[in-house]
């Protein structure tokens, strides 16, 4: 018969931890988008926009085509 190990500590679930996780996820999404030339989709001024990291100040609120 084996001895049971103590339970692992559960991750924090407070709102501050959630915000930290979202910031890390956003940063990673921007890194991937920049490396692959794709957009990050975000909500801005009441509209859904595509933001192209690495292309200074470029957002696209309309077409599905990628800017040149």
N, C-alpha and C. Protein backbone atom coordinates (compact mmCIF):
# COMPACT_ATOMS: atom_id res chain seq x y z
N UNK A 1 0.85 -1.17 0.00
CA UNK A 1 0.00 0.00 0.00
C UNK A 1 0.90 1.23 0.00
N UNK A 2 0.56 2.21 -0.85
CA UNK A 2 1.38 3.42 -0.93
C UNK A 2 0.84 4.52 -0.02
N UNK A 3 1.76 5.38 0.36
CA UNK A 3 1.39 6.51 1.21
C UNK A 3 0.94 7.67 0.34
N UNK A 4 -0.18 8.25 0.68
CA UNK A 4 -0.70 9.38 -0.10
C UNK A 4 0.16 10.62 0.14
N UNK A 5 0.43 11.35 -0.95
CA UNK A 5 1.20 12.58 -0.80
C UNK A 5 0.25 13.74 -0.46
N UNK A 6 0.77 14.76 0.18
CA UNK A 6 -0.09 15.89 0.55
C UNK A 6 -0.61 16.59 -0.71
N UNK A 7 -1.77 17.19 -0.65
CA UNK A 7 -2.32 17.86 -1.83
C UNK A 7 -1.45 19.05 -2.22
N UNK A 8 -1.39 19.31 -3.52
CA UNK A 8 -0.63 20.45 -4.01
C UNK A 8 -1.40 21.72 -3.73
N UNK A 9 -0.67 22.79 -3.53
CA UNK A 9 -1.29 24.08 -3.26
C UNK A 9 -2.02 24.56 -4.52
N UNK A 10 -3.25 24.97 -4.36
CA UNK A 10 -4.04 25.46 -5.50
C UNK A 10 -3.52 26.83 -5.93
N UNK A 11 -3.60 27.13 -7.23
CA UNK A 11 -3.16 28.45 -7.69
C UNK A 11 -4.06 29.55 -7.13
N UNK A 12 -3.50 30.75 -7.04
CA UNK A 12 -4.29 31.88 -6.55
C UNK A 12 -5.41 32.18 -7.53
N UNK A 13 -6.54 32.59 -7.01
CA UNK A 13 -7.68 32.88 -7.88
C UNK A 13 -8.21 34.29 -7.68
N UNK A 14 -7.43 35.14 -7.04
CA UNK A 14 -7.89 36.50 -6.81
C UNK A 14 -7.82 37.32 -8.11
N UNK A 15 -8.58 38.41 -8.20
CA UNK A 15 -8.62 39.23 -9.42
C UNK A 15 -7.25 39.79 -9.82
N UNK A 16 -6.41 40.09 -8.84
CA UNK A 16 -5.08 40.62 -9.15
C UNK A 16 -4.26 39.58 -9.93
N UNK A 17 -4.35 38.34 -9.54
CA UNK A 17 -3.63 37.27 -10.25
C UNK A 17 -4.19 37.09 -11.66
N UNK A 18 -5.50 37.21 -11.80
CA UNK A 18 -6.11 37.08 -13.12
C UNK A 18 -5.62 38.18 -14.05
N UNK A 19 -5.53 39.40 -13.55
CA UNK A 19 -5.05 40.51 -14.37
C UNK A 19 -3.59 40.28 -14.78
N UNK A 20 -2.78 39.80 -13.88
CA UNK A 20 -1.38 39.48 -14.21
C UNK A 20 -1.31 38.44 -15.31
N UNK A 21 -2.15 37.42 -15.23
CA UNK A 21 -2.17 36.36 -16.25
C UNK A 21 -2.62 36.91 -17.60
N UNK A 22 -3.61 37.78 -17.61
CA UNK A 22 -4.08 38.39 -18.86
C UNK A 22 -2.99 39.24 -19.50
N UNK A 23 -2.24 39.97 -18.69
CA UNK A 23 -1.15 40.78 -19.21
C UNK A 23 -0.06 39.92 -19.84
N UNK A 24 0.26 38.79 -19.18
CA UNK A 24 1.25 37.87 -19.75
C UNK A 24 0.75 37.29 -21.07
N UNK A 25 -0.52 36.93 -21.11
CA UNK A 25 -1.10 36.36 -22.33
C UNK A 25 -1.09 37.38 -23.46
N UNK A 26 -1.42 38.62 -23.16
CA UNK A 26 -1.41 39.68 -24.17
C UNK A 26 0.00 39.87 -24.74
N UNK A 27 0.98 39.92 -23.85
CA UNK A 27 2.36 40.10 -24.28
C UNK A 27 2.80 38.96 -25.20
N UNK A 28 2.46 37.73 -24.82
CA UNK A 28 2.83 36.57 -25.64
C UNK A 28 2.11 36.60 -26.98
N UNK A 29 0.84 36.99 -26.98
CA UNK A 29 0.08 37.09 -28.24
C UNK A 29 0.72 38.13 -29.17
N UNK A 30 1.18 39.25 -28.61
CA UNK A 30 1.84 40.28 -29.41
C UNK A 30 3.16 39.77 -29.97
N UNK A 31 3.91 39.02 -29.18
CA UNK A 31 5.18 38.45 -29.66
C UNK A 31 4.94 37.52 -30.83
N UNK A 32 3.95 36.64 -30.71
CA UNK A 32 3.64 35.69 -31.78
C UNK A 32 3.14 36.42 -33.01
N UNK A 33 2.25 37.39 -32.84
CA UNK A 33 1.70 38.15 -33.97
C UNK A 33 2.82 38.90 -34.70
N UNK A 34 3.72 39.49 -33.96
CA UNK A 34 4.83 40.22 -34.57
C UNK A 34 5.74 39.29 -35.36
N UNK A 35 6.02 38.12 -34.80
CA UNK A 35 6.90 37.16 -35.46
C UNK A 35 6.28 36.56 -36.71
N UNK A 36 4.95 36.46 -36.74
CA UNK A 36 4.28 35.81 -37.87
C UNK A 36 3.59 36.78 -38.81
N UNK A 37 3.63 38.08 -38.48
CA UNK A 37 3.00 39.08 -39.35
C UNK A 37 1.49 39.05 -39.30
N UNK A 38 0.93 38.59 -38.20
CA UNK A 38 -0.51 38.55 -38.06
C UNK A 38 -0.98 39.58 -37.05
N UNK A 39 -2.27 39.74 -36.94
CA UNK A 39 -2.84 40.77 -36.06
C UNK A 39 -3.28 40.19 -34.72
N UNK A 40 -3.35 41.09 -33.74
CA UNK A 40 -3.98 40.80 -32.46
C UNK A 40 -5.32 41.50 -32.53
N UNK A 41 -6.39 40.81 -32.23
CA UNK A 41 -7.73 41.39 -32.27
C UNK A 41 -8.04 41.98 -30.91
N UNK A 42 -8.54 43.22 -30.91
CA UNK A 42 -8.89 43.86 -29.64
C UNK A 42 -10.10 44.78 -29.82
N UNK A 43 -10.68 45.16 -28.71
CA UNK A 43 -11.82 46.07 -28.66
C UNK A 43 -11.27 47.45 -28.39
N UNK A 44 -11.60 48.42 -29.26
CA UNK A 44 -11.06 49.76 -29.12
C UNK A 44 -12.11 50.78 -29.54
N UNK A 45 -12.47 51.68 -28.65
CA UNK A 45 -13.45 52.73 -28.93
C UNK A 45 -14.76 52.18 -29.49
N UNK A 46 -15.23 51.10 -28.93
CA UNK A 46 -16.49 50.52 -29.33
C UNK A 46 -16.46 49.69 -30.60
N UNK A 47 -15.27 49.41 -31.12
CA UNK A 47 -15.14 48.61 -32.34
C UNK A 47 -14.11 47.51 -32.15
N UNK A 48 -14.28 46.45 -32.91
CA UNK A 48 -13.28 45.38 -32.94
C UNK A 48 -12.24 45.79 -33.98
N UNK A 49 -10.98 45.80 -33.58
CA UNK A 49 -9.90 46.21 -34.49
C UNK A 49 -8.79 45.17 -34.49
N UNK A 50 -8.05 45.17 -35.59
CA UNK A 50 -6.84 44.34 -35.70
C UNK A 50 -5.65 45.25 -35.44
N UNK A 51 -4.78 44.83 -34.55
CA UNK A 51 -3.57 45.58 -34.25
C UNK A 51 -2.39 44.73 -34.71
N UNK A 52 -1.51 45.34 -35.48
CA UNK A 52 -0.35 44.62 -36.00
C UNK A 52 0.89 45.04 -35.20
N UNK A 53 1.28 44.26 -34.20
CA UNK A 53 2.46 44.61 -33.41
C UNK A 53 3.70 44.69 -34.30
N UNK A 54 4.54 45.66 -34.02
CA UNK A 54 5.75 45.83 -34.81
C UNK A 54 5.54 46.80 -35.96
N UNK A 55 4.30 47.14 -36.24
CA UNK A 55 3.98 48.14 -37.26
C UNK A 55 3.43 49.34 -36.52
N UNK A 56 4.27 50.28 -36.26
CA UNK A 56 3.98 51.40 -35.38
C UNK A 56 2.66 52.09 -35.75
N UNK A 57 1.75 52.11 -34.78
CA UNK A 57 0.50 52.82 -34.92
C UNK A 57 -0.47 52.24 -35.92
N UNK A 58 -0.27 51.00 -36.37
CA UNK A 58 -1.17 50.47 -37.39
C UNK A 58 -2.28 49.62 -36.79
N UNK A 59 -3.49 50.05 -37.06
CA UNK A 59 -4.67 49.25 -36.72
C UNK A 59 -5.55 49.19 -37.95
N UNK A 60 -6.38 48.19 -38.01
CA UNK A 60 -7.28 47.99 -39.15
C UNK A 60 -8.66 47.70 -38.58
N UNK A 61 -9.64 48.52 -38.94
CA UNK A 61 -10.98 48.31 -38.43
C UNK A 61 -11.92 47.74 -39.48
N UNK A 62 -11.43 47.52 -40.69
CA UNK A 62 -12.34 47.13 -41.75
C UNK A 62 -12.10 45.78 -42.35
N UNK A 63 -11.42 45.76 -43.47
CA UNK A 63 -11.32 44.57 -44.30
C UNK A 63 -10.59 43.42 -43.63
N UNK A 64 -10.72 42.27 -44.23
CA UNK A 64 -10.03 41.08 -43.73
C UNK A 64 -8.63 40.97 -44.28
N UNK A 65 -8.25 41.87 -45.19
CA UNK A 65 -6.94 41.76 -45.80
C UNK A 65 -5.87 42.37 -44.90
N UNK A 66 -4.70 41.79 -44.98
CA UNK A 66 -3.55 42.24 -44.20
C UNK A 66 -2.92 43.44 -44.92
N UNK A 67 -2.52 44.50 -44.18
CA UNK A 67 -1.89 45.64 -44.82
C UNK A 67 -0.55 45.26 -45.41
N UNK A 68 -0.14 45.99 -46.42
CA UNK A 68 1.14 45.69 -47.09
C UNK A 68 2.29 46.40 -46.46
